[in-house]
Amino acid sequence: MDTPDDPRTRRKRARSPGSGSAERAGAHDNGANVRIASAEGREGVIRFVLRRVAGGLYVERDELPRKGTRTSISVEFKDRDGFGRWCDSDPSRFDSPLLHQRVRRAADELWEFDG
């Protein structure tokens, strides 16, 4: 059975009109202290998993190209400013601006979370 995270399901998504790419951008909530945001384009998938932890915000950034090596980065931020600088320097800011906005919004929600 196909699941939302199954690569076969992602390939079945409709292509964006006019872009020529199969960009699928999504963000969803996996509980009070976790957010996932991703985008799929011609070159592959970029996925962010943001998790509120006792010390701040833990972020995983996965780049899953159709061809080549998967890249995974894990970072923990102690404050919003540090996260903001890191996020604004990420290439997805220009490659997938909607994804960048979703990641920033998800982080803002998590910084407000006290649970």
PDB file of N, CA and C in Angstrom:
ATOM      1  N   MET A   1       0.850  -1.185   0.000  1.00  0.00           N
ATOM      2  CA  MET A   1       0.000   0.000   0.000  1.00  0.00           C
ATOM      3  C   MET A   1       0.888   1.238   0.000  1.00  0.00           C
ATOM      4  N   ASP A   2       0.567   2.230  -0.819  1.00  0.00           N
ATOM      5  CA  ASP A   2       1.325   3.468  -0.879  1.00  0.00           C
ATOM      6  C   ASP A   2       1.001   4.345   0.316  1.00  0.00           C
ATOM      7  N   THR A   3       2.024   4.950   0.876  1.00  0.00           N
ATOM      8  CA  THR A   3       1.852   5.891   1.973  1.00  0.00           C
ATOM      9  C   THR A   3       2.336   7.255   1.516  1.00  0.00           C
ATOM     10  N   PRO A   4       1.990   8.358   2.216  1.00  0.00           N
ATOM     11  CA  PRO A   4       2.415   9.694   1.793  1.00  0.00           C
ATOM     12  C   PRO A   4       3.926   9.840   1.662  1.00  0.00           C
ATOM     13  N   ASP A   5       4.710   9.092   2.459  1.00  0.00           N
ATOM     14  CA  ASP A   5       6.161   9.196   2.399  1.00  0.00           C
ATOM     15  C   ASP A   5       6.789   8.206   1.421  1.00  0.00           C
ATOM     16  N   ASP A   6       5.970   7.377   0.811  1.00  0.00           N
ATOM     17  CA  ASP A   6       6.468   6.383  -0.125  1.00  0.00           C
ATOM     18  C   ASP A   6       6.888   7.069  -1.426  1.00  0.00           C
ATOM     19  N   PRO A   7       8.119   6.824  -1.931  1.00  0.00           N
ATOM     20  CA  PRO A   7       8.571   7.468  -3.171  1.00  0.00           C
ATOM     21  C   PRO A   7       7.640   7.209  -4.353  1.00  0.00           C
ATOM     22  N   ARG A   8       7.004   6.047  -4.382  1.00  0.00           N
ATOM     23  CA  ARG A   8       6.092   5.755  -5.495  1.00  0.00           C
ATOM     24  C   ARG A   8       4.898   6.692  -5.477  1.00  0.00           C
ATOM     25  N   THR A   9       4.414   7.039  -4.286  1.00  0.00           N
ATOM     26  CA  THR A   9       3.293   7.958  -4.156  1.00  0.00           C
ATOM     27  C   THR A   9       3.687   9.346  -4.629  1.00  0.00           C
ATOM     28  N   ARG A  10       4.902   9.778  -4.258  1.00  0.00           N
ATOM     29  CA  ARG A  10       5.359  11.107  -4.658  1.00  0.00           C
ATOM     30  C   ARG A  10       5.416  11.236  -6.174  1.00  0.00           C
ATOM     31  N   ARG A  11       5.821  10.179  -6.859  1.00  0.00           N
ATOM     32  CA  ARG A  11       5.918  10.227  -8.319  1.00  0.00           C
ATOM     33  C   ARG A  11       4.554  10.326  -8.980  1.00  0.00           C
ATOM     34  N   LYS A  12       3.514   9.906  -8.285  1.00  0.00           N
ATOM     35  CA  LYS A  12       2.168   9.935  -8.853  1.00  0.00           C
ATOM     36  C   LYS A  12       1.526  11.314  -8.774  1.00  0.00           C
ATOM     37  N   ARG A  13       2.139  12.243  -8.048  1.00  0.00           N
ATOM     38  CA  ARG A  13       1.567  13.578  -7.895  1.00  0.00           C
ATOM     39  C   ARG A  13       1.558  14.309  -9.232  1.00  0.00           C
ATOM     40  N   ALA A  14       0.592  15.207  -9.376  1.00  0.00           N
ATOM     41  CA  ALA A  14       0.462  15.970 -10.628  1.00  0.00           C
ATOM     42  C   ALA A  14       1.599  16.971 -10.770  1.00  0.00           C
ATOM     43  N   ARG A  15       1.943  17.263 -12.011  1.00  0.00           N
ATOM     44  CA  ARG A  15       2.966  18.269 -12.285  1.00  0.00           C
ATOM     45  C   ARG A  15       2.380  19.656 -12.106  1.00  0.00           C
ATOM     46  N   SER A  16       3.243  20.582 -11.647  1.00  0.00           N
ATOM     47  CA  SER A  16       2.823  21.970 -11.495  1.00  0.00           C
ATOM     48  C   SER A  16       2.627  22.584 -12.864  1.00  0.00           C
ATOM     49  N   PRO A  17       1.515  23.285 -13.094  1.00  0.00           N
ATOM     50  CA  PRO A  17       1.288  23.871 -14.400  1.00  0.00           C
ATOM     51  C   PRO A  17       2.327  24.937 -14.704  1.00  0.00           C
ATOM     52  N   GLY A  18       2.882  24.865 -15.914  1.00  0.00           N
ATOM     53  CA  GLY A  18       3.795  25.889 -16.382  1.00  0.00           C
ATOM     54  C   GLY A  18       5.217  25.740 -15.901  1.00  0.00           C
ATOM     55  N   SER A  19       5.468  24.964 -14.860  1.00  0.00           N
ATOM     56  CA  SER A  19       6.823  24.891 -14.322  1.00  0.00           C
ATOM     57  C   SER A  19       7.650  23.816 -15.000  1.00  0.00           C
ATOM     58  N   GLY A  20       7.002  22.798 -15.540  1.00  0.00           N
ATOM     59  CA  GLY A  20       7.743  21.707 -16.146  1.00  0.00           C
ATOM     60  C   GLY A  20       8.360  20.787 -15.108  1.00  0.00           C
ATOM     61  N   SER A  21       8.158  21.067 -13.845  1.00  0.00           N
ATOM     62  CA  SER A  21       8.703  20.213 -12.802  1.00  0.00           C
ATOM     63  C   SER A  21       7.557  19.564 -12.042  1.00  0.00           C
ATOM     64  N   ALA A  22       7.892  18.499 -11.374  1.00  0.00           N
ATOM     65  CA  ALA A  22       6.889  17.813 -10.565  1.00  0.00           C
ATOM     66  C   ALA A  22       7.004  18.281  -9.127  1.00  0.00           C
ATOM     67  N   GLU A  23       7.089  19.575  -8.938  1.00  0.00           N
ATOM     68  CA  GLU A  23       7.277  20.076  -7.578  1.00  0.00           C
ATOM     69  C   GLU A  23       6.028  19.822  -6.758  1.00  0.00           C
ATOM     70  N   ARG A  24       6.236  19.151  -5.669  1.00  0.00           N
ATOM     71  CA  ARG A  24       5.168  18.919  -4.707  1.00  0.00           C
ATOM     72  C   ARG A  24       5.700  19.415  -3.385  1.00  0.00           C
ATOM     73  N   ALA A  25       5.046  20.382  -2.887  1.00  0.00           N
ATOM     74  CA  ALA A  25       5.504  20.933  -1.624  1.00  0.00           C
ATOM     75  C   ALA A  25       4.453  20.638  -0.587  1.00  0.00           C
ATOM     76  N   GLY A  26       4.910  20.196   0.567  1.00  0.00           N
ATOM     77  CA  GLY A  26       3.960  19.887   1.610  1.00  0.00           C
ATOM     78  C   GLY A  26       4.524  20.200   2.971  1.00  0.00           C
ATOM     79  N   ALA A  27       3.627  20.431   3.869  1.00  0.00           N
ATOM     80  CA  ALA A  27       4.021  20.624   5.257  1.00  0.00           C
ATOM     81  C   ALA A  27       2.946  19.970   6.096  1.00  0.00           C
ATOM     82  N   HIS A  28       3.359  19.242   7.085  1.00  0.00           N
ATOM     83  CA  HIS A  28       2.355  18.684   7.966  1.00  0.00           C
ATOM     84  C   HIS A  28       2.896  18.560   9.383  1.00  0.00           C
ATOM     85  N   ASP A  29       1.965  18.377  10.287  1.00  0.00           N
ATOM     86  CA  ASP A  29       2.235  18.358  11.707  1.00  0.00           C
ATOM     87  C   ASP A  29       2.196  16.906  12.166  1.00  0.00           C
ATOM     88  N   ASN A  30       3.264  16.438  12.779  1.00  0.00           N
ATOM     89  CA  ASN A  30       3.311  15.070  13.298  1.00  0.00           C
ATOM     90  C   ASN A  30       3.276  15.066  14.819  1.00  0.00           C
ATOM     91  N   GLY A  31       2.538  15.946  15.395  1.00  0.00           N
ATOM     92  CA  GLY A  31       2.458  16.050  16.841  1.00  0.00           C
ATOM     93  C   GLY A  31       2.732  17.478  17.259  1.00  0.00           C
ATOM     94  N   ALA A  32       2.580  17.724  18.546  1.00  0.00           N
ATOM     95  CA  ALA A  32       2.700  19.082  19.053  1.00  0.00           C
ATOM     96  C   ALA A  32       4.093  19.666  18.873  1.00  0.00           C
ATOM     97  N   ASN A  33       5.132  18.834  18.881  1.00  0.00           N
ATOM     98  CA  ASN A  33       6.477  19.387  18.830  1.00  0.00           C
ATOM     99  C   ASN A  33       7.287  18.987  17.599  1.00  0.00           C
ATOM    100  N   VAL A  34       6.630  18.507  16.541  1.00  0.00           N
ATOM    101  CA  VAL A  34       7.327  18.105  15.314  1.00  0.00           C
ATOM    102  C   VAL A  34       6.604  18.668  14.103  1.00  0.00           C
ATOM    103  N   ARG A  35       7.375  19.172  13.142  1.00  0.00           N
ATOM    104  CA  ARG A  35       6.820  19.643  11.869  1.00  0.00           C
ATOM    105  C   ARG A  35       7.692  19.091  10.744  1.00  0.00           C
ATOM    106  N   ILE A  36       7.062  18.744   9.625  1.00  0.00           N
ATOM    107  CA  ILE A  36       7.775  18.253   8.451  1.00  0.00           C
ATOM    108  C   ILE A  36       7.358  19.104   7.260  1.00  0.00           C
ATOM    109  N   ALA A  37       8.342  19.564   6.504  1.00  0.00           N
ATOM    110  CA  ALA A  37       8.072  20.339   5.290  1.00  0.00           C
ATOM    111  C   ALA A  37       8.951  19.768   4.191  1.00  0.00           C
ATOM    112  N   SER A  38       8.372  19.583   2.998  1.00  0.00           N
ATOM    113  CA  SER A  38       9.155  19.013   1.899  1.00  0.00           C
ATOM    114  C   SER A  38       8.698  19.573   0.568  1.00  0.00           C
ATOM    115  N   ALA A  39       9.588  19.451  -0.408  1.00  0.00           N
ATOM    116  CA  ALA A  39       9.271  19.846  -1.776  1.00  0.00           C
ATOM    117  C   ALA A  39       9.957  18.865  -2.715  1.00  0.00           C
ATOM    118  N   GLU A  40       9.260  18.534  -3.787  1.00  0.00           N
ATOM    119  CA  GLU A  40       9.810  17.632  -4.787  1.00  0.00           C
ATOM    120  C   GLU A  40       9.860  18.357  -6.116  1.00  0.00           C
ATOM    121  N   GLY A  41      11.003  18.302  -6.768  1.00  0.00           N
ATOM    122  CA  GLY A  41      11.180  18.933  -8.070  1.00  0.00           C
ATOM    123  C   GLY A  41      11.813  17.962  -9.039  1.00  0.00           C
ATOM    124  N   ARG A  42      12.211  18.472 -10.181  1.00  0.00           N
ATOM    125  CA  ARG A  42      12.831  17.617 -11.203  1.00  0.00           C
ATOM    126  C   ARG A  42      14.081  16.917 -10.708  1.00  0.00           C
ATOM    127  N   GLU A  43      14.824  17.567  -9.838  1.00  0.00           N
ATOM    128  CA  GLU A  43      16.102  17.017  -9.404  1.00  0.00           C
ATOM    129  C   GLU A  43      15.993  16.109  -8.184  1.00  0.00           C
ATOM    130  N   GLY A  44      14.864  16.136  -7.487  1.00  0.00           N
ATOM    131  CA  GLY A  44      14.705  15.286  -6.326  1.00  0.00           C
ATOM    132  C   GLY A  44      13.839  15.923  -5.253  1.00  0.00           C
ATOM    133  N   VAL A  45      14.067  15.506  -4.012  1.00  0.00           N
ATOM    134  CA  VAL A  45      13.253  15.939  -2.873  1.00  0.00           C
ATOM    135  C   VAL A  45      14.145  16.618  -1.835  1.00  0.00           C
ATOM    136  N   ILE A  46      13.630  17.682  -1.252  1.00  0.00           N
ATOM    137  CA  ILE A  46      14.250  18.305  -0.089  1.00  0.00           C
ATOM    138  C   ILE A  46      13.227  18.205   1.035  1.00  0.00           C
ATOM    139  N   ARG A  47      13.676  17.703   2.191  1.00  0.00           N
ATOM    140  CA  ARG A  47      12.759  17.523   3.315  1.00  0.00           C
ATOM    141  C   ARG A  47      13.395  18.082   4.593  1.00  0.00           C
ATOM    142  N   PHE A  48      12.610  18.836   5.326  1.00  0.00           N
ATOM    143  CA  PHE A  48      13.023  19.359   6.621  1.00  0.00           C
ATOM    144  C   PHE A  48      12.147  18.731   7.685  1.00  0.00           C
ATOM    145  N   VAL A  49      12.753  18.246   8.750  1.00  0.00           N
ATOM    146  CA  VAL A  49      12.030  17.777   9.927  1.00  0.00           C
ATOM    147  C   VAL A  49      12.474  18.674  11.072  1.00  0.00           C
ATOM    148  N   LEU A  50      11.531  19.387  11.666  1.00  0.00           N
ATOM    149  CA  LEU A  50      11.824  20.305  12.762  1.00  0.00           C
ATOM    150  C   LEU A  50      11.192  19.747  14.028  1.00  0.00           C
ATOM    151  N   ARG A  51      11.973  19.724  15.103  1.00  0.00           N
ATOM    152  CA  ARG A  51      11.505  19.134  16.349  1.00  0.00           C
ATOM    153  C   ARG A  51      11.881  20.056  17.506  1.00  0.00           C
ATOM    154  N   ARG A  52      10.891  20.396  18.323  1.00  0.00           N
ATOM    155  CA  ARG A  52      11.152  21.221  19.507  1.00  0.00           C
ATOM    156  C   ARG A  52      11.749  20.324  20.567  1.00  0.00           C
ATOM    157  N   VAL A  53      12.909  20.690  21.091  1.00  0.00           N
ATOM    158  CA  VAL A  53      13.581  19.934  22.138  1.00  0.00           C
ATOM    159  C   VAL A  53      13.830  20.862  23.323  1.00  0.00           C
ATOM    160  N   ALA A  54      14.232  20.296  24.445  1.00  0.00           N
ATOM    161  CA  ALA A  54      14.419  21.088  25.664  1.00  0.00           C
ATOM    162  C   ALA A  54      15.398  22.240  25.453  1.00  0.00           C
ATOM    163  N   GLY A  55      16.449  22.036  24.671  1.00  0.00           N
ATOM    164  CA  GLY A  55      17.461  23.062  24.482  1.00  0.00           C
ATOM    165  C   GLY A  55      17.172  24.044  23.370  1.00  0.00           C
ATOM    166  N   GLY A  56      16.113  23.830  22.607  1.00  0.00           N
ATOM    167  CA  GLY A  56      15.819  24.739  21.496  1.00  0.00           C
ATOM    168  C   GLY A  56      15.084  24.045  20.369  1.00  0.00           C
ATOM    169  N   LEU A  57      15.679  24.086  19.165  1.00  0.00           N
ATOM    170  CA  LEU A  57      15.042  23.527  17.976  1.00  0.00           C
ATOM    171  C   LEU A  57      16.033  22.616  17.261  1.00  0.00           C
ATOM    172  N   TYR A  58      15.637  21.365  17.042  1.00  0.00           N
ATOM    173  CA  TYR A  58      16.457  20.390  16.333  1.00  0.00           C
ATOM    174  C   TYR A  58      15.923  20.298  14.904  1.00  0.00           C
ATOM    175  N   VAL A  59      16.813  20.410  13.918  1.00  0.00           N
ATOM    176  CA  VAL A  59      16.411  20.414  12.517  1.00  0.00           C
ATOM    177  C   VAL A  59      17.200  19.358  11.749  1.00  0.00           C
ATOM    178  N   GLU A  60      16.486  18.568  10.960  1.00  0.00           N
ATOM    179  CA  GLU A  60      17.112  17.643  10.009  1.00  0.00           C
ATOM    180  C   GLU A  60      16.763  18.131   8.612  1.00  0.00           C
ATOM    181  N   ARG A  61      17.766  18.242   7.757  1.00  0.00           N
ATOM    182  CA  ARG A  61      17.553  18.637   6.365  1.00  0.00           C
ATOM    183  C   ARG A  61      18.077  17.505   5.493  1.00  0.00           C
ATOM    184  N   ASP A  62      17.182  16.897   4.725  1.00  0.00           N
ATOM    185  CA  ASP A  62      17.553  15.798   3.830  1.00  0.00           C
ATOM    186  C   ASP A  62      17.383  16.242   2.393  1.00  0.00           C
ATOM    187  N   GLU A  63      18.382  15.970   1.593  1.00  0.00           N
ATOM    188  CA  GLU A  63      18.298  16.212   0.154  1.00  0.00           C
ATOM    189  C   GLU A  63      18.416  14.862  -0.516  1.00  0.00           C
ATOM    190  N   LEU A  64      17.372  14.482  -1.246  1.00  0.00           N
ATOM    191  CA  LEU A  64      17.298  13.166  -1.866  1.00  0.00           C
ATOM    192  C   LEU A  64      17.225  13.340  -3.388  1.00  0.00           C
ATOM    193  N   PRO A  65      18.380  13.434  -4.045  1.00  0.00           N
ATOM    194  CA  PRO A  65      18.364  13.628  -5.492  1.00  0.00           C
ATOM    195  C   PRO A  65      17.932  12.354  -6.213  1.00  0.00           C
ATOM    196  N   ARG A  66      17.398  12.521  -7.400  1.00  0.00           N
ATOM    197  CA  ARG A  66      17.013  11.353  -8.207  1.00  0.00           C
ATOM    198  C   ARG A  66      18.248  10.548  -8.582  1.00  0.00           C
ATOM    199  N   LYS A  67      19.350  11.252  -8.812  1.00  0.00           N
ATOM    200  CA  LYS A  67      20.633  10.610  -9.109  1.00  0.00           C
ATOM    201  C   LYS A  67      21.675  11.224  -8.195  1.00  0.00           C
ATOM    202  N   GLY A  68      22.555  10.415  -7.687  1.00  0.00           N
ATOM    203  CA  GLY A  68      23.617  10.950  -6.850  1.00  0.00           C
ATOM    204  C   GLY A  68      23.458  10.577  -5.392  1.00  0.00           C
ATOM    205  N   THR A  69      24.190  11.276  -4.586  1.00  0.00           N
ATOM    206  CA  THR A  69      24.299  10.966  -3.167  1.00  0.00           C
ATOM    207  C   THR A  69      23.292  11.740  -2.330  1.00  0.00           C
ATOM    208  N   ARG A  70      22.685  11.045  -1.409  1.00  0.00           N
ATOM    209  CA  ARG A  70      21.760  11.668  -0.449  1.00  0.00           C
ATOM    210  C   ARG A  70      22.586  12.465   0.560  1.00  0.00           C
ATOM    211  N   THR A  71      22.117  13.667   0.878  1.00  0.00           N
ATOM    212  CA  THR A  71      22.790  14.513   1.863  1.00  0.00           C
ATOM    213  C   THR A  71      21.846  14.745   3.029  1.00  0.00           C
ATOM    214  N   SER A  72      22.374  14.574   4.236  1.00  0.00           N
ATOM    215  CA  SER A  72      21.567  14.760   5.432  1.00  0.00           C
ATOM    216  C   SER A  72      22.348  15.633   6.412  1.00  0.00           C
ATOM    217  N   ILE A  73      21.675  16.655   6.955  1.00  0.00           N
ATOM    218  CA  ILE A  73      22.296  17.562   7.911  1.00  0.00           C
ATOM    219  C   ILE A  73      21.404  17.616   9.143  1.00  0.00           C
ATOM    220  N   SER A  74      22.008  17.548  10.319  1.00  0.00           N
ATOM    221  CA  SER A  74      21.271  17.677  11.580  1.00  0.00           C
ATOM    222  C   SER A  74      21.911  18.791  12.384  1.00  0.00           C
ATOM    223  N   VAL A  75      21.071  19.727  12.851  1.00  0.00           N
ATOM    224  CA  VAL A  75      21.560  20.877  13.597  1.00  0.00           C
ATOM    225  C   VAL A  75      20.597  21.177  14.742  1.00  0.00           C
ATOM    226  N   GLU A  76      21.137  21.605  15.876  1.00  0.00           N
ATOM    227  CA  GLU A  76      20.289  22.050  16.978  1.00  0.00           C
ATOM    228  C   GLU A  76      20.570  23.523  17.229  1.00  0.00           C
ATOM    229  N   PHE A  77      19.502  24.304  17.308  1.00  0.00           N
ATOM    230  CA  PHE A  77      19.611  25.745  17.507  1.00  0.00           C
ATOM    231  C   PHE A  77      19.121  26.101  18.899  1.00  0.00           C
ATOM    232  N   LYS A  78      19.851  26.999  19.538  1.00  0.00           N
ATOM    233  CA  LYS A  78      19.500  27.448  20.886  1.00  0.00           C
ATOM    234  C   LYS A  78      18.553  28.648  20.855  1.00  0.00           C
ATOM    235  N   ASP A  79      18.525  29.387  19.727  1.00  0.00           N
ATOM    236  CA  ASP A  79      17.681  30.581  19.657  1.00  0.00           C
ATOM    237  C   ASP A  79      17.169  30.809  18.238  1.00  0.00           C
ATOM    238  N   ARG A  80      16.148  31.643  18.123  1.00  0.00           N
ATOM    239  CA  ARG A  80      15.524  31.948  16.833  1.00  0.00           C
ATOM    240  C   ARG A  80      16.489  32.613  15.861  1.00  0.00           C
ATOM    241  N   ASP A  81      17.318  33.512  16.376  1.00  0.00           N
ATOM    242  CA  ASP A  81      18.231  34.243  15.488  1.00  0.00           C
ATOM    243  C   ASP A  81      19.203  33.312  14.781  1.00  0.00           C
ATOM    244  N   GLY A  82      19.757  32.356  15.512  1.00  0.00           N
ATOM    245  CA  GLY A  82      20.671  31.388  14.908  1.00  0.00           C
ATOM    246  C   GLY A  82      19.980  30.569  13.837  1.00  0.00           C
ATOM    247  N   PHE A  83      18.770  30.120  14.143  1.00  0.00           N
ATOM    248  CA  PHE A  83      18.011  29.360  13.145  1.00  0.00           C
ATOM    249  C   PHE A  83      17.706  30.236  11.930  1.00  0.00           C
ATOM    250  N   GLY A  84      17.294  31.475  12.172  1.00  0.00           N
ATOM    251  CA  GLY A  84      16.953  32.377  11.071  1.00  0.00           C
ATOM    252  C   GLY A  84      18.117  32.601  10.125  1.00  0.00           C
ATOM    253  N   ARG A  85      19.313  32.812  10.675  1.00  0.00           N
ATOM    254  CA  ARG A  85      20.497  33.001   9.831  1.00  0.00           C
ATOM    255  C   ARG A  85      20.794  31.752   9.017  1.00  0.00           C
ATOM    256  N   TRP A  86      20.702  30.579   9.663  1.00  0.00           N
ATOM    257  CA  TRP A  86      20.970  29.328   8.969  1.00  0.00           C
ATOM    258  C   TRP A  86      19.942  29.098   7.862  1.00  0.00           C
ATOM    259  N   CYS A  87      18.686  29.299   8.186  1.00  0.00           N
ATOM    260  CA  CYS A  87      17.608  29.063   7.233  1.00  0.00           C
ATOM    261  C   CYS A  87      17.718  30.010   6.036  1.00  0.00           C
ATOM    262  N   ASP A  88      18.041  31.275   6.293  1.00  0.00           N
ATOM    263  CA  ASP A  88      18.156  32.248   5.207  1.00  0.00           C
ATOM    264  C   ASP A  88      19.355  31.995   4.311  1.00  0.00           C
ATOM    265  N   SER A  89      20.334  31.251   4.800  1.00  0.00           N
ATOM    266  CA  SER A  89      21.499  30.945   3.962  1.00  0.00           C
ATOM    267  C   SER A  89      21.330  29.629   3.203  1.00  0.00           C
ATOM    268  N   ASP A  90      20.232  28.905   3.467  1.00  0.00           N
ATOM    269  CA  ASP A  90      19.996  27.627   2.788  1.00  0.00           C
ATOM    270  C   ASP A  90      19.613  27.864   1.330  1.00  0.00           C
ATOM    271  N   PRO A  91      20.171  27.071   0.404  1.00  0.00           N
ATOM    272  CA  PRO A  91      19.842  27.233  -1.019  1.00  0.00           C
ATOM    273  C   PRO A  91      18.359  27.091  -1.340  1.00  0.00           C
ATOM    274  N   SER A  92      17.596  26.397  -0.502  1.00  0.00           N
ATOM    275  CA  SER A  92      16.161  26.230  -0.778  1.00  0.00           C
ATOM    276  C   SER A  92      15.436  27.570  -0.749  1.00  0.00           C
ATOM    277  N   ARG A  93      16.032  28.565  -0.120  1.00  0.00           N
ATOM    278  CA  ARG A  93      15.417  29.901  -0.097  1.00  0.00           C
ATOM    279  C   ARG A  93      15.175  30.409  -1.515  1.00  0.00           C
ATOM    280  N   PHE A  94      16.074  30.078  -2.423  1.00  0.00           N
ATOM    281  CA  PHE A  94      15.951  30.517  -3.812  1.00  0.00           C
ATOM    282  C   PHE A  94      15.402  29.415  -4.717  1.00  0.00           C
ATOM    283  N   ASP A  95      15.777  28.162  -4.439  1.00  0.00           N
ATOM    284  CA  ASP A  95      15.337  27.045  -5.274  1.00  0.00           C
ATOM    285  C   ASP A  95      13.867  26.705  -5.065  1.00  0.00           C
ATOM    286  N   SER A  96      13.383  26.869  -3.846  1.00  0.00           N
ATOM    287  CA  SER A  96      12.002  26.538  -3.510  1.00  0.00           C
ATOM    288  C   SER A  96      11.499  27.512  -2.437  1.00  0.00           C
ATOM    289  N   PRO A  97      11.171  28.746  -2.844  1.00  0.00           N
ATOM    290  CA  PRO A  97      10.792  29.768  -1.869  1.00  0.00           C
ATOM    291  C   PRO A  97       9.581  29.410  -1.009  1.00  0.00           C
ATOM    292  N   LEU A  98       8.635  28.647  -1.568  1.00  0.00           N
ATOM    293  CA  LEU A  98       7.471  28.251  -0.764  1.00  0.00           C
ATOM    294  C   LEU A  98       7.878  27.305   0.354  1.00  0.00           C
ATOM    295  N   LEU A  99       8.796  26.399   0.053  1.00  0.00           N
ATOM    296  CA  LEU A  99       9.317  25.502   1.079  1.00  0.00           C
ATOM    297  C   LEU A  99      10.017  26.314   2.165  1.00  0.00           C
ATOM    298  N   HIS A 100      10.807  27.278   1.762  1.00  0.00           N
ATOM    299  CA  HIS A 100      11.512  28.128   2.721  1.00  0.00           C
ATOM    300  C   HIS A 100      10.524  28.826   3.657  1.00  0.00           C
ATOM    301  N   GLN A 101       9.448  29.359   3.109  1.00  0.00           N
ATOM    302  CA  GLN A 101       8.435  30.018   3.939  1.00  0.00           C
ATOM    303  C   GLN A 101       7.786  29.044   4.909  1.00  0.00           C
ATOM    304  N   ARG A 102       7.482  27.823   4.433  1.00  0.00           N
ATOM    305  CA  ARG A 102       6.861  26.819   5.309  1.00  0.00           C
ATOM    306  C   ARG A 102       7.792  26.428   6.449  1.00  0.00           C
ATOM    307  N   VAL A 103       9.081  26.301   6.147  1.00  0.00           N
ATOM    308  CA  VAL A 103      10.048  25.934   7.186  1.00  0.00           C
ATOM    309  C   VAL A 103      10.123  27.047   8.227  1.00  0.00           C
ATOM    310  N   ARG A 104      10.175  28.296   7.775  1.00  0.00           N
ATOM    311  CA  ARG A 104      10.225  29.427   8.716  1.00  0.00           C
ATOM    312  C   ARG A 104       8.967  29.475   9.584  1.00  0.00           C
ATOM    313  N   ARG A 105       7.798  29.271   8.951  1.00  0.00           N
ATOM    314  CA  ARG A 105       6.535  29.287   9.690  1.00  0.00           C
ATOM    315  C   ARG A 105       6.471  28.144  10.712  1.00  0.00           C
ATOM    316  N   ALA A 106       6.902  26.953  10.285  1.00  0.00           N
ATOM    317  CA  ALA A 106       6.894  25.800  11.197  1.00  0.00           C
ATOM    318  C   ALA A 106       7.820  26.053  12.381  1.00  0.00           C
ATOM    319  N   ALA A 107       8.977  26.641  12.124  1.00  0.00           N
ATOM    320  CA  ALA A 107       9.914  26.948  13.208  1.00  0.00           C
ATOM    321  C   ALA A 107       9.299  27.965  14.173  1.00  0.00           C
ATOM    322  N   ASP A 108       8.644  28.980  13.626  1.00  0.00           N
ATOM    323  CA  ASP A 108       8.000  29.980  14.489  1.00  0.00           C
ATOM    324  C   ASP A 108       6.969  29.321  15.409  1.00  0.00           C
ATOM    325  N   GLU A 109       6.183  28.399  14.858  1.00  0.00           N
ATOM    326  CA  GLU A 109       5.193  27.687  15.675  1.00  0.00           C
ATOM    327  C   GLU A 109       5.876  26.897  16.787  1.00  0.00           C
ATOM    328  N   LEU A 110       6.970  26.235  16.450  1.00  0.00           N
ATOM    329  CA  LEU A 110       7.657  25.405  17.440  1.00  0.00           C
ATOM    330  C   LEU A 110       8.365  26.229  18.510  1.00  0.00           C
ATOM    331  N   TRP A 111       8.882  27.394  18.136  1.00  0.00           N
ATOM    332  CA  TRP A 111       9.513  28.237  19.156  1.00  0.00           C
ATOM    333  C   TRP A 111       8.480  28.675  20.187  1.00  0.00           C
ATOM    334  N   GLU A 112       7.213  28.779  19.776  1.00  0.00           N
ATOM    335  CA  GLU A 112       6.150  29.185  20.696  1.00  0.00           C
ATOM    336  C   GLU A 112       5.687  28.031  21.578  1.00  0.00           C
ATOM    337  N   PHE A 113       6.003  26.794  21.181  1.00  0.00           N
ATOM    338  CA  PHE A 113       5.541  25.610  21.889  1.00  0.00           C
ATOM    339  C   PHE A 113       6.280  25.455  23.212  1.00  0.00           C
ATOM    340  N   ASP A 114       5.532  25.280  24.309  1.00  0.00           N
ATOM    341  CA  ASP A 114       6.133  25.130  25.632  1.00  0.00           C
ATOM    342  C   ASP A 114       6.129  23.690  26.150  1.00  0.00           C
ATOM    343  N   GLY A 115       5.412  22.789  25.431  1.00  0.00           N
ATOM    344  CA  GLY A 115       5.195  21.441  25.906  1.00  0.00           C
ATOM    345  C   GLY A 115       6.401  20.665  26.161  1.00  0.00           C
TER     346      GLY A 115
END
